[in-house]
Each structure stands twice: as C-alpha cells, then as structure tokens.
Amino acid sequence: MGLEQLLTNLKLLKDDQLTVAGLVLFGRRPQEALPFARISAVVFPGCEVGEEIVDRKELEGVLEEQINGARSFLDLHLRTGASIRGFRREDRPEIPAEVLREAVVNAVAHRDYSLRGQVRLFVFADRVEIISPGSLPNTVTLDNIRFGIHVERNPILVTFLAKMGLLSQVGTGIPRMIRAMRDRGLPEPSFALLGDHFRVSIARPVGGSR
C-alpha cells in the first residue's frame, strides 16, 4: 500500500489534499492553510485581561508542537515548590501537571476548526484559563461533562493523540482533572460557555504551591 492510499484510508488525505486533521497532525506548516489553528499564550500581571502583558507567545506547528510549547510556557510562568522525602528533593508545581496537560490537549483536540479563532491560554495572578472555539456538542452539558460524558467532535484527532499518549479516548480526562485538584486541596476546575467558546478555569493556590 502506497503512502497516499494509507493517508486516504486514515482520512488524513482527500482529493490529493491533506484534510484538516492531516494538516494539524502532520502538515509541514499547517498555519499557512489554517492560520487560526494555533494557541495564543498570554500572561497578565493581575486577575483580568488588560493592556499590560508580561509575556506573549503564538504557539504554532503541528498539534504535538503546540502542546509542548504550551507546557514550556506554563512551566516558565507558574511556580514550582519543593519537598524533601528522605534524601531526595521532589519538585511540586503549583498546579498538577496532568490537569494543565489535559486542559490544553482537550482544547486542541475538541475545538471547532471551522471557527476562525485560536485557542487562548491565559495565565493570571489567580488562575489559568484555556478557551477553545466551539460550544459543547450534542448531548454534552456543563453538568454531565464533569462525570465523563463526552462526544468526540474530531474523532480522528482524538485517535491519533491517544496513540501518541497525549489523550484518553474514554472520557476520563475531566474527572481526573477534578480528582487531581481535590487531592491537592485546590478548588475544582470550573467550566463555562462563552458564546460559541468553551472555557476551563483552573485556580492557582494563594502564596505558592501546596
């Protein structure tokens, strides 16, 4: 089987052109065709969006590169504490890494790529927000999403990101985010619809990591 036939069978190629999934997963420069398929990461000094900005980066490339860029950006701007266990020092980020990873990966995997808007990653003094284009699909609500109810808007993306070890296909991501925050004694993430956008808000602990 040739490469083109393989990509066609995987629904990454159609009529000799990469599909949206093919572009954002494997395209050389996906933003040339899909300029909004990126993450805008911004750090604000206070608790609201304002004109003053501490740092800003446009995270581009394929989805894996965007996810890795978001992780580096958050590592740079969130605090990391430490504890000593026996003779070993253990670093402890202020927000569990799995919570941030799940929120970012969900945003790029489940967003609506037909909307001309990028994923926004905002770091405030008191929280981190991830806002993705697209409302909740079908029967998913702000209430039942907390219990793992999900509908895959982009099943091809979900399948490939799961194979890369970046995403779970079984709807356990949000329940795990909630549990991880509870285990650290932190407020649960909050979820909201802002028009045709979906927002996840993750509180930062007061005074540093716990």
C-alpha atoms as a PDB file:
ATOM      1  CA  MET A   1       0.000   0.000   0.000  1.00  0.00           C
ATOM      2  CA  GLY A   2       1.381   3.391  -1.006  1.00  0.00           C
ATOM      3  CA  LEU A   3       1.640   6.379   1.325  1.00  0.00           C
ATOM      4  CA  GLU A   4      -1.188   8.282  -0.388  1.00  0.00           C
ATOM      5  CA  GLN A   5      -3.540   5.323  -0.094  1.00  0.00           C
ATOM      6  CA  LEU A   6      -2.592   4.875   3.565  1.00  0.00           C
ATOM      7  CA  LEU A   7      -3.271   8.531   4.334  1.00  0.00           C
ATOM      8  CA  THR A   8      -6.563   8.320   2.451  1.00  0.00           C
ATOM      9  CA  ASN A   9      -7.607   5.241   4.426  1.00  0.00           C
ATOM     10  CA  LEU A  10      -6.754   7.071   7.654  1.00  0.00           C
ATOM     11  CA  LYS A  11      -8.899  10.032   6.496  1.00  0.00           C
ATOM     12  CA  LEU A  12      -5.883  12.320   6.541  1.00  0.00           C
ATOM     13  CA  LEU A  13      -5.889  12.864   2.781  1.00  0.00           C
ATOM     14  CA  LYS A  14      -8.785  13.625   0.434  1.00  0.00           C
ATOM     15  CA  ASP A  15      -8.607  14.532  -3.267  1.00  0.00           C
ATOM     16  CA  ASP A  16      -4.801  14.680  -3.019  1.00  0.00           C
ATOM     17  CA  GLN A  17      -5.023  17.305  -0.243  1.00  0.00           C
ATOM     18  CA  LEU A  18      -4.413  16.882   3.461  1.00  0.00           C
ATOM     19  CA  THR A  19      -7.606  17.130   5.488  1.00  0.00           C
ATOM     20  CA  VAL A  20      -7.825  19.453   8.493  1.00  0.00           C
ATOM     21  CA  ALA A  21      -6.803  16.532  10.709  1.00  0.00           C
ATOM     22  CA  GLY A  22      -3.920  15.697   8.382  1.00  0.00           C
ATOM     23  CA  LEU A  23      -2.702  19.293   8.396  1.00  0.00           C
ATOM     24  CA  VAL A  24      -2.733  19.842  12.153  1.00  0.00           C
ATOM     25  CA  LEU A  25      -1.244  16.429  12.883  1.00  0.00           C
ATOM     26  CA  PHE A  26       1.396  16.100  10.158  1.00  0.00           C
ATOM     27  CA  GLY A  27       1.463  19.242   7.987  1.00  0.00           C
ATOM     28  CA  ARG A  28       4.814  20.953   7.448  1.00  0.00           C
ATOM     29  CA  ARG A  29       3.429  24.462   8.028  1.00  0.00           C
ATOM     30  CA  PRO A  30      -0.219  23.990   8.993  1.00  0.00           C
ATOM     31  CA  GLN A  31      -0.784  27.667   9.849  1.00  0.00           C
ATOM     32  CA  GLU A  32      -0.248  28.664   6.203  1.00  0.00           C
ATOM     33  CA  ALA A  33      -3.536  26.944   5.373  1.00  0.00           C
ATOM     34  CA  LEU A  34      -5.168  27.235   8.804  1.00  0.00           C
ATOM     35  CA  PRO A  35      -3.867  30.442  10.428  1.00  0.00           C
ATOM     36  CA  PHE A  36      -6.196  30.063  13.422  1.00  0.00           C
ATOM     37  CA  ALA A  37      -5.038  26.521  14.231  1.00  0.00           C
ATOM     38  CA  ARG A  38      -2.683  27.737  16.947  1.00  0.00           C
ATOM     39  CA  ILE A  39      -2.516  28.639  20.635  1.00  0.00           C
ATOM     40  CA  SER A  40      -2.168  32.250  21.774  1.00  0.00           C
ATOM     41  CA  ALA A  41      -0.485  32.152  25.179  1.00  0.00           C
ATOM     42  CA  VAL A  42      -0.532  35.325  27.282  1.00  0.00           C
ATOM     43  CA  VAL A  43       0.500  36.197  30.836  1.00  0.00           C
ATOM     44  CA  PHE A  44      -1.297  39.091  32.538  1.00  0.00           C
ATOM     45  CA  PRO A  45       0.052  40.638  35.761  1.00  0.00           C
ATOM     46  CA  GLY A  46      -3.319  40.826  37.504  1.00  0.00           C
ATOM     47  CA  CYS A  47      -6.594  38.945  37.577  1.00  0.00           C
ATOM     48  CA  GLU A  48      -8.232  40.443  34.468  1.00  0.00           C
ATOM     49  CA  VAL A  49      -7.451  40.821  30.786  1.00  0.00           C
ATOM     50  CA  GLY A  50      -5.754  44.183  30.299  1.00  0.00           C
ATOM     51  CA  GLU A  51      -3.397  46.153  28.119  1.00  0.00           C
ATOM     52  CA  GLU A  52      -0.377  45.300  30.252  1.00  0.00           C
ATOM     53  CA  ILE A  53       1.140  41.968  29.293  1.00  0.00           C
ATOM     54  CA  VAL A  54       4.012  40.147  30.991  1.00  0.00           C
ATOM     55  CA  ASP A  55       4.663  37.697  28.166  1.00  0.00           C
ATOM     56  CA  ARG A  56       3.004  36.507  24.966  1.00  0.00           C
ATOM     57  CA  LYS A  57       3.747  33.739  22.503  1.00  0.00           C
ATOM     58  CA  GLU A  58       1.974  32.389  19.436  1.00  0.00           C
ATOM     59  CA  LEU A  59       2.382  28.611  19.581  1.00  0.00           C
ATOM     60  CA  GLU A  60       2.288  27.138  16.100  1.00  0.00           C
ATOM     61  CA  GLY A  61       3.278  23.973  14.241  1.00  0.00           C
ATOM     62  CA  VAL A  62       1.517  20.638  14.429  1.00  0.00           C
ATOM     63  CA  LEU A  63      -0.542  19.809  17.496  1.00  0.00           C
ATOM     64  CA  GLU A  64       2.266  17.999  19.290  1.00  0.00           C
ATOM     65  CA  GLU A  65       4.489  21.077  18.905  1.00  0.00           C
ATOM     66  CA  GLN A  66       1.717  23.345  20.151  1.00  0.00           C
ATOM     67  CA  ILE A  67       1.115  21.131  23.186  1.00  0.00           C
ATOM     68  CA  ASN A  68       4.831  21.015  24.001  1.00  0.00           C
ATOM     69  CA  GLY A  69       5.041  24.785  23.561  1.00  0.00           C
ATOM     70  CA  ALA A  70       2.143  25.290  25.968  1.00  0.00           C
ATOM     71  CA  ARG A  71       3.819  23.051  28.524  1.00  0.00           C
ATOM     72  CA  SER A  72       7.068  25.036  28.298  1.00  0.00           C
ATOM     73  CA  PHE A  73       5.177  28.331  28.557  1.00  0.00           C
ATOM     74  CA  LEU A  74       3.327  27.190  31.675  1.00  0.00           C
ATOM     75  CA  ASP A  75       6.497  25.759  33.215  1.00  0.00           C
ATOM     76  CA  LEU A  76       8.122  29.160  32.742  1.00  0.00           C
ATOM     77  CA  HIS A  77       5.341  31.218  34.298  1.00  0.00           C
ATOM     78  CA  LEU A  78       3.921  29.019  37.072  1.00  0.00           C
ATOM     79  CA  ARG A  79       5.645  28.463  40.380  1.00  0.00           C
ATOM     80  CA  THR A  80       7.286  25.198  41.394  1.00  0.00           C
ATOM     81  CA  GLY A  81       7.777  24.323  45.031  1.00  0.00           C
ATOM     82  CA  ALA A  82       9.807  21.510  46.517  1.00  0.00           C
ATOM     83  CA  SER A  83       9.608  18.987  49.318  1.00  0.00           C
ATOM     84  CA  ILE A  84      12.223  16.683  50.819  1.00  0.00           C
ATOM     85  CA  ARG A  85      11.448  12.992  51.151  1.00  0.00           C
ATOM     86  CA  GLY A  86      14.254  11.087  52.744  1.00  0.00           C
ATOM     87  CA  PHE A  87      17.348  12.342  50.964  1.00  0.00           C
ATOM     88  CA  ARG A  88      15.528  13.319  47.799  1.00  0.00           C
ATOM     89  CA  ARG A  89      14.156  16.661  46.708  1.00  0.00           C
ATOM     90  CA  GLU A  90      10.850  16.456  44.847  1.00  0.00           C
ATOM     91  CA  ASP A  91       9.670  19.377  42.765  1.00  0.00           C
ATOM     92  CA  ARG A  92       5.976  20.143  43.005  1.00  0.00           C
ATOM     93  CA  PRO A  93       4.292  22.509  40.532  1.00  0.00           C
ATOM     94  CA  GLU A  94       1.603  24.771  41.948  1.00  0.00           C
ATOM     95  CA  ILE A  95      -0.990  23.193  39.637  1.00  0.00           C
ATOM     96  CA  PRO A  96      -0.732  19.451  38.928  1.00  0.00           C
ATOM     97  CA  ALA A  97       0.875  18.935  35.520  1.00  0.00           C
ATOM     98  CA  GLU A  98      -1.746  16.381  34.495  1.00  0.00           C
ATOM     99  CA  VAL A  99      -4.511  18.969  34.991  1.00  0.00           C
ATOM    100  CA  LEU A 100      -2.820  21.525  32.745  1.00  0.00           C
ATOM    101  CA  ARG A 101      -1.917  18.914  30.135  1.00  0.00           C
ATOM    102  CA  GLU A 102      -5.464  17.587  29.984  1.00  0.00           C
ATOM    103  CA  ALA A 103      -6.935  21.071  29.608  1.00  0.00           C
ATOM    104  CA  VAL A 104      -4.546  22.047  26.811  1.00  0.00           C
ATOM    105  CA  VAL A 105      -4.822  18.763  24.905  1.00  0.00           C
ATOM    106  CA  ASN A 106      -8.617  18.773  25.192  1.00  0.00           C
ATOM    107  CA  ALA A 107      -8.682  22.315  23.817  1.00  0.00           C
ATOM    108  CA  VAL A 108      -6.780  21.476  20.627  1.00  0.00           C
ATOM    109  CA  ALA A 109      -8.399  18.054  20.186  1.00  0.00           C
ATOM    110  CA  HIS A 110     -12.039  19.023  20.675  1.00  0.00           C
ATOM    111  CA  ARG A 111     -12.140  22.588  19.334  1.00  0.00           C
ATOM    112  CA  ASP A 112     -14.230  23.511  16.294  1.00  0.00           C
ATOM    113  CA  TYR A 113     -11.759  24.008  13.452  1.00  0.00           C
ATOM    114  CA  SER A 114     -14.440  25.633  11.284  1.00  0.00           C
ATOM    115  CA  LEU A 115     -14.425  28.699  13.559  1.00  0.00           C
ATOM    116  CA  ARG A 116     -11.880  31.403  12.795  1.00  0.00           C
ATOM    117  CA  GLY A 117     -10.403  31.690  16.245  1.00  0.00           C
ATOM    118  CA  GLN A 118      -7.396  30.251  18.008  1.00  0.00           C
ATOM    119  CA  VAL A 119      -7.160  28.511  21.377  1.00  0.00           C
ATOM    120  CA  ARG A 120      -6.295  31.047  24.065  1.00  0.00           C
ATOM    121  CA  LEU A 121      -4.141  30.195  27.065  1.00  0.00           C
ATOM    122  CA  PHE A 122      -4.250  32.935  29.685  1.00  0.00           C
ATOM    123  CA  VAL A 123      -2.171  32.993  32.864  1.00  0.00           C
ATOM    124  CA  PHE A 124      -3.493  35.366  35.525  1.00  0.00           C
ATOM    125  CA  ALA A 125      -2.277  36.033  39.052  1.00  0.00           C
ATOM    126  CA  ASP A 126      -5.021  33.830  40.500  1.00  0.00           C
ATOM    127  CA  ARG A 127      -5.823  31.300  37.755  1.00  0.00           C
ATOM    128  CA  VAL A 128      -5.081  29.746  34.387  1.00  0.00           C
ATOM    129  CA  GLU A 129      -7.733  29.844  31.668  1.00  0.00           C
ATOM    130  CA  ILE A 130      -7.907  27.822  28.464  1.00  0.00           C
ATOM    131  CA  ILE A 131     -10.545  28.986  25.982  1.00  0.00           C
ATOM    132  CA  SER A 132     -11.258  26.974  22.853  1.00  0.00           C
ATOM    133  CA  PRO A 133     -13.517  27.729  19.861  1.00  0.00           C
ATOM    134  CA  GLY A 134     -16.665  25.664  19.763  1.00  0.00           C
ATOM    135  CA  SER A 135     -19.618  25.021  22.041  1.00  0.00           C
ATOM    136  CA  LEU A 136     -20.303  21.664  23.684  1.00  0.00           C
ATOM    137  CA  PRO A 137     -21.503  19.124  21.104  1.00  0.00           C
ATOM    138  CA  ASN A 138     -24.824  17.284  21.077  1.00  0.00           C
ATOM    139  CA  THR A 139     -25.916  15.978  24.486  1.00  0.00           C
ATOM    140  CA  VAL A 140     -22.877  17.188  26.440  1.00  0.00           C
ATOM    141  CA  THR A 141     -23.651  19.785  29.135  1.00  0.00           C
ATOM    142  CA  LEU A 142     -21.653  21.733  31.704  1.00  0.00           C
ATOM    143  CA  ASP A 143     -23.080  19.394  34.349  1.00  0.00           C
ATOM    144  CA  ASN A 144     -22.560  15.969  32.796  1.00  0.00           C
ATOM    145  CA  ILE A 145     -19.121  16.774  31.368  1.00  0.00           C
ATOM    146  CA  ARG A 146     -17.833  16.553  34.936  1.00  0.00           C
ATOM    147  CA  PHE A 147     -18.790  12.872  35.014  1.00  0.00           C
ATOM    148  CA  GLY A 148     -17.055  11.863  31.807  1.00  0.00           C
ATOM    149  CA  ILE A 149     -19.923  12.310  29.355  1.00  0.00           C
ATOM    150  CA  HIS A 150     -18.373  13.269  26.031  1.00  0.00           C
ATOM    151  CA  VAL A 151     -18.947  13.341  22.289  1.00  0.00           C
ATOM    152  CA  GLU A 152     -15.909  13.478  20.025  1.00  0.00           C
ATOM    153  CA  ARG A 153     -16.136  16.411  17.609  1.00  0.00           C
ATOM    154  CA  ASN A 154     -12.834  15.404  15.972  1.00  0.00           C
ATOM    155  CA  PRO A 155     -12.544  11.603  16.327  1.00  0.00           C
ATOM    156  CA  ILE A 156      -9.517  11.335  14.020  1.00  0.00           C
ATOM    157  CA  LEU A 157      -7.567  13.845  16.126  1.00  0.00           C
ATOM    158  CA  VAL A 158      -8.616  12.071  19.312  1.00  0.00           C
ATOM    159  CA  THR A 159      -7.497   8.706  17.941  1.00  0.00           C
ATOM    160  CA  PHE A 160      -4.044   9.935  16.918  1.00  0.00           C
ATOM    161  CA  LEU A 161      -3.439  11.992  20.070  1.00  0.00           C
ATOM    162  CA  ALA A 162      -4.441   8.950  22.137  1.00  0.00           C
ATOM    163  CA  LYS A 163      -1.951   6.799  20.220  1.00  0.00           C
ATOM    164  CA  MET A 164       0.702   9.417  20.978  1.00  0.00           C
ATOM    165  CA  GLY A 165      -0.098   9.070  24.685  1.00  0.00           C
ATOM    166  CA  LEU A 166      -1.406  12.618  24.974  1.00  0.00           C
ATOM    167  CA  LEU A 167      -5.117  11.984  25.389  1.00  0.00           C
ATOM    168  CA  SER A 168      -7.554   9.429  26.722  1.00  0.00           C
ATOM    169  CA  GLN A 169     -10.351   8.303  24.405  1.00  0.00           C
ATOM    170  CA  VAL A 170     -12.685   7.111  27.130  1.00  0.00           C
ATOM    171  CA  GLY A 171     -13.868  10.430  28.593  1.00  0.00           C
ATOM    172  CA  THR A 172     -11.886  10.180  31.830  1.00  0.00           C
ATOM    173  CA  GLY A 173      -9.909  13.392  31.375  1.00  0.00           C
ATOM    174  CA  ILE A 174     -12.165  15.901  33.128  1.00  0.00           C
ATOM    175  CA  PRO A 175     -12.996  13.594  36.067  1.00  0.00           C
ATOM    176  CA  ARG A 176      -9.243  13.045  36.509  1.00  0.00           C
ATOM    177  CA  MET A 177      -8.630  16.798  36.433  1.00  0.00           C
ATOM    178  CA  ILE A 178     -11.233  17.290  39.162  1.00  0.00           C
ATOM    179  CA  ARG A 179      -9.812  14.487  41.285  1.00  0.00           C
ATOM    180  CA  ALA A 180      -6.216  15.727  40.928  1.00  0.00           C
ATOM    181  CA  MET A 181      -7.183  19.203  42.120  1.00  0.00           C
ATOM    182  CA  ARG A 182      -9.182  17.788  45.039  1.00  0.00           C
ATOM    183  CA  ASP A 183      -6.214  15.608  46.054  1.00  0.00           C
ATOM    184  CA  ARG A 184      -4.067  18.731  46.298  1.00  0.00           C
ATOM    185  CA  GLY A 185      -6.682  20.591  48.333  1.00  0.00           C
ATOM    186  CA  LEU A 186      -7.288  23.010  45.476  1.00  0.00           C
ATOM    187  CA  PRO A 187     -10.611  24.223  44.052  1.00  0.00           C
ATOM    188  CA  GLU A 188     -12.047  22.100  41.287  1.00  0.00           C
ATOM    189  CA  PRO A 189     -11.676  23.438  37.737  1.00  0.00           C
ATOM    190  CA  SER A 190     -14.675  25.434  36.555  1.00  0.00           C
ATOM    191  CA  PHE A 191     -16.236  25.138  33.116  1.00  0.00           C
ATOM    192  CA  ALA A 192     -18.244  27.740  31.222  1.00  0.00           C
ATOM    193  CA  LEU A 193     -19.647  28.529  27.805  1.00  0.00           C
ATOM    194  CA  LEU A 194     -18.824  31.978  26.428  1.00  0.00           C
ATOM    195  CA  GLY A 195     -20.993  32.223  23.333  1.00  0.00           C
ATOM    196  CA  ASP A 196     -19.546  29.667  20.942  1.00  0.00           C
ATOM    197  CA  HIS A 197     -16.393  29.159  23.024  1.00  0.00           C
ATOM    198  CA  PHE A 198     -15.672  26.770  25.898  1.00  0.00           C
ATOM    199  CA  ARG A 199     -13.610  27.912  28.887  1.00  0.00           C
ATOM    200  CA  VAL A 200     -11.765  25.923  31.534  1.00  0.00           C
ATOM    201  CA  SER A 201     -10.602  27.923  34.559  1.00  0.00           C
ATOM    202  CA  ILE A 202      -8.019  26.450  36.948  1.00  0.00           C
ATOM    203  CA  ALA A 203      -7.320  28.247  40.224  1.00  0.00           C
ATOM    204  CA  ARG A 204      -3.756  28.956  41.313  1.00  0.00           C
ATOM    205  CA  PRO A 205      -3.033  28.419  45.015  1.00  0.00           C
ATOM    206  CA  VAL A 206      -2.598  31.553  47.077  1.00  0.00           C
ATOM    207  CA  GLY A 207       1.020  32.086  48.098  1.00  0.00           C
ATOM    208  CA  GLY A 208       2.587  29.298  46.076  1.00  0.00           C
ATOM    209  CA  SER A 209       2.353  25.536  45.551  1.00  0.00           C
ATOM    210  CA  ARG A 210       0.896  23.154  48.099  1.00  0.00           C
END
